[in-house]
């Protein structure tokens, strides 16, 4: 599984949005990382695992503009 490393203190909601792109997978993120408190603030430089198969916010590749 891929690893997301926090660069600042973040809530689990923020981490879920940054990794999965949707808050629906919050409890999966918590379960996979052993968190039991939904209001937990995660310290900077914490490694968070997530399941790449659930990621829905694939980056949009911008095409160059040709004039």
N, C-alpha and C. Protein backbone atom coordinates (compact mmCIF):
# COMPACT_ATOMS: atom_id res chain seq x y z
N UNK A 1 0.84 -1.19 0.00
CA UNK A 1 0.00 0.00 0.00
C UNK A 1 0.88 1.25 0.00
N UNK A 2 0.42 2.29 -0.68
CA UNK A 2 1.18 3.55 -0.67
C UNK A 2 1.17 4.19 0.71
N UNK A 3 2.13 5.07 0.93
CA UNK A 3 2.24 5.78 2.20
C UNK A 3 2.16 7.28 1.95
N UNK A 4 1.33 7.94 2.74
CA UNK A 4 1.23 9.40 2.74
C UNK A 4 1.92 9.89 4.00
N UNK A 5 2.86 10.82 3.88
CA UNK A 5 3.54 11.37 5.05
C UNK A 5 3.06 12.80 5.25
N UNK A 6 2.52 13.05 6.42
CA UNK A 6 2.00 14.38 6.71
C UNK A 6 3.15 15.38 6.80
N UNK A 7 2.95 16.56 6.25
CA UNK A 7 3.99 17.59 6.33
C UNK A 7 3.65 18.67 7.36
N UNK A 8 2.43 18.64 7.86
CA UNK A 8 1.98 19.51 8.95
C UNK A 8 0.99 18.70 9.78
N UNK A 9 0.54 19.26 10.88
CA UNK A 9 -0.53 18.61 11.63
C UNK A 9 -1.80 18.64 10.80
N UNK A 10 -2.46 17.49 10.69
CA UNK A 10 -3.68 17.40 9.88
C UNK A 10 -4.73 16.58 10.61
N UNK A 11 -5.98 16.91 10.35
CA UNK A 11 -7.07 16.08 10.87
C UNK A 11 -7.19 14.84 9.98
N UNK A 12 -7.85 13.83 10.49
CA UNK A 12 -8.08 12.64 9.68
C UNK A 12 -8.95 12.96 8.47
N UNK A 13 -9.88 13.90 8.63
CA UNK A 13 -10.70 14.34 7.50
C UNK A 13 -9.82 14.89 6.39
N UNK A 14 -8.87 15.74 6.75
CA UNK A 14 -7.96 16.33 5.76
C UNK A 14 -7.13 15.25 5.06
N UNK A 15 -6.62 14.32 5.85
CA UNK A 15 -5.79 13.25 5.28
C UNK A 15 -6.62 12.38 4.34
N UNK A 16 -7.84 12.10 4.71
CA UNK A 16 -8.72 11.30 3.87
C UNK A 16 -8.97 12.00 2.53
N UNK A 17 -9.22 13.28 2.57
CA UNK A 17 -9.44 14.03 1.33
C UNK A 17 -8.17 14.09 0.48
N UNK A 18 -7.01 14.21 1.13
CA UNK A 18 -5.75 14.28 0.39
C UNK A 18 -5.37 12.94 -0.23
N UNK A 19 -5.73 11.84 0.42
CA UNK A 19 -5.34 10.53 -0.09
C UNK A 19 -6.41 9.93 -1.01
N UNK A 20 -7.63 9.89 -0.54
CA UNK A 20 -8.70 9.24 -1.30
C UNK A 20 -9.51 10.21 -2.17
N UNK A 21 -9.52 11.48 -1.83
CA UNK A 21 -10.28 12.44 -2.60
C UNK A 21 -11.75 12.50 -2.24
N UNK A 22 -12.14 11.74 -1.23
CA UNK A 22 -13.54 11.68 -0.83
C UNK A 22 -13.60 11.28 0.65
N UNK A 23 -14.45 11.91 1.40
CA UNK A 23 -14.54 11.66 2.84
C UNK A 23 -15.18 10.30 3.16
N UNK A 24 -15.80 9.69 2.16
CA UNK A 24 -16.50 8.41 2.37
C UNK A 24 -15.58 7.30 2.90
N UNK A 25 -14.28 7.42 2.67
CA UNK A 25 -13.35 6.36 3.09
C UNK A 25 -12.64 6.67 4.40
N UNK A 26 -13.19 7.59 5.17
CA UNK A 26 -12.58 7.98 6.44
C UNK A 26 -12.42 6.79 7.38
N UNK A 27 -13.46 5.98 7.52
CA UNK A 27 -13.38 4.86 8.46
C UNK A 27 -12.44 3.77 7.96
N UNK A 28 -12.29 3.63 6.66
CA UNK A 28 -11.30 2.70 6.13
C UNK A 28 -9.90 3.20 6.48
N UNK A 29 -9.65 4.49 6.27
CA UNK A 29 -8.36 5.09 6.61
C UNK A 29 -8.05 4.89 8.09
N UNK A 30 -9.05 5.13 8.93
CA UNK A 30 -8.86 4.96 10.38
C UNK A 30 -8.54 3.51 10.71
N UNK A 31 -9.29 2.59 10.15
CA UNK A 31 -9.09 1.17 10.42
C UNK A 31 -7.71 0.70 9.96
N UNK A 32 -7.32 1.09 8.76
CA UNK A 32 -6.04 0.67 8.21
C UNK A 32 -4.84 1.20 9.00
N UNK A 33 -5.04 2.31 9.73
CA UNK A 33 -3.93 2.93 10.46
C UNK A 33 -4.07 2.84 11.98
N UNK A 34 -5.09 2.14 12.45
CA UNK A 34 -5.24 1.91 13.88
C UNK A 34 -5.75 3.10 14.68
N UNK A 35 -6.46 4.03 14.01
CA UNK A 35 -7.03 5.18 14.72
C UNK A 35 -8.45 4.85 15.15
N UNK A 36 -8.80 5.26 16.36
CA UNK A 36 -10.16 5.01 16.85
C UNK A 36 -10.94 6.29 17.12
N UNK A 37 -10.26 7.43 17.09
CA UNK A 37 -10.91 8.71 17.38
C UNK A 37 -10.98 9.55 16.11
N UNK A 38 -12.20 9.77 15.62
CA UNK A 38 -12.41 10.49 14.37
C UNK A 38 -11.91 11.94 14.45
N UNK A 39 -11.79 12.48 15.65
CA UNK A 39 -11.35 13.87 15.80
C UNK A 39 -9.83 13.99 16.01
N UNK A 40 -9.11 12.90 15.85
CA UNK A 40 -7.66 12.90 16.07
C UNK A 40 -6.96 13.87 15.12
N UNK A 41 -6.00 14.59 15.66
CA UNK A 41 -5.11 15.43 14.87
C UNK A 41 -3.79 14.67 14.76
N UNK A 42 -3.36 14.43 13.56
CA UNK A 42 -2.15 13.64 13.31
C UNK A 42 -0.95 14.58 13.22
N UNK A 43 0.11 14.20 13.92
CA UNK A 43 1.33 15.02 13.96
C UNK A 43 2.03 15.04 12.61
N UNK A 44 2.82 16.09 12.42
CA UNK A 44 3.65 16.21 11.23
C UNK A 44 4.63 15.04 11.15
N UNK A 45 4.95 14.61 9.94
CA UNK A 45 5.89 13.52 9.67
C UNK A 45 5.36 12.15 10.09
N UNK A 46 4.05 11.99 10.13
CA UNK A 46 3.44 10.70 10.43
C UNK A 46 3.17 9.97 9.12
N UNK A 47 3.51 8.69 9.07
CA UNK A 47 3.25 7.88 7.88
C UNK A 47 1.85 7.28 7.96
N UNK A 48 1.07 7.49 6.91
CA UNK A 48 -0.30 7.00 6.83
C UNK A 48 -0.40 6.10 5.61
N UNK A 49 -0.87 4.87 5.81
CA UNK A 49 -1.07 4.00 4.66
C UNK A 49 -2.48 4.17 4.13
N UNK A 50 -2.62 3.98 2.83
CA UNK A 50 -3.95 4.05 2.22
C UNK A 50 -4.00 3.10 1.04
N UNK A 51 -5.19 2.73 0.64
CA UNK A 51 -5.41 1.76 -0.42
C UNK A 51 -5.60 2.48 -1.75
N UNK A 52 -4.64 2.36 -2.63
CA UNK A 52 -4.65 3.09 -3.89
C UNK A 52 -5.87 2.75 -4.76
N UNK A 53 -6.42 1.56 -4.58
CA UNK A 53 -7.57 1.16 -5.40
C UNK A 53 -8.83 1.95 -5.08
N UNK A 54 -8.84 2.68 -3.95
CA UNK A 54 -10.00 3.50 -3.58
C UNK A 54 -9.84 4.97 -3.98
N UNK A 55 -8.69 5.35 -4.47
CA UNK A 55 -8.43 6.75 -4.81
C UNK A 55 -9.31 7.17 -5.97
N UNK A 56 -10.04 8.29 -5.77
CA UNK A 56 -10.94 8.76 -6.83
C UNK A 56 -10.53 10.09 -7.42
N UNK A 57 -9.54 10.74 -6.86
CA UNK A 57 -9.17 12.07 -7.34
C UNK A 57 -7.89 12.02 -8.15
N UNK A 58 -7.88 11.20 -9.19
CA UNK A 58 -6.70 11.13 -10.05
C UNK A 58 -6.41 12.51 -10.61
N UNK A 59 -5.15 12.90 -10.60
CA UNK A 59 -4.82 14.24 -11.08
C UNK A 59 -5.19 14.42 -12.56
N UNK A 60 -5.63 15.59 -12.88
CA UNK A 60 -5.94 15.91 -14.26
C UNK A 60 -4.67 16.45 -14.90
N UNK A 61 -4.27 15.84 -15.96
CA UNK A 61 -3.06 16.29 -16.66
C UNK A 61 -3.47 17.39 -17.61
N UNK A 62 -2.87 18.54 -17.44
CA UNK A 62 -3.22 19.65 -18.32
C UNK A 62 -2.40 19.57 -19.60
N UNK A 63 -3.07 19.85 -20.69
CA UNK A 63 -2.41 19.85 -21.99
C UNK A 63 -1.86 21.27 -22.23
N UNK A 64 -0.73 21.34 -22.89
CA UNK A 64 -0.19 22.67 -23.18
C UNK A 64 -1.11 23.43 -24.13
N UNK A 65 -1.19 24.72 -23.92
CA UNK A 65 -1.99 25.56 -24.79
C UNK A 65 -1.11 26.02 -25.95
N UNK A 66 -1.58 25.75 -27.16
CA UNK A 66 -0.83 26.15 -28.34
C UNK A 66 -1.59 27.31 -29.01
N UNK A 67 -0.93 28.42 -29.15
CA UNK A 67 -1.55 29.60 -29.78
C UNK A 67 -1.23 29.65 -31.25
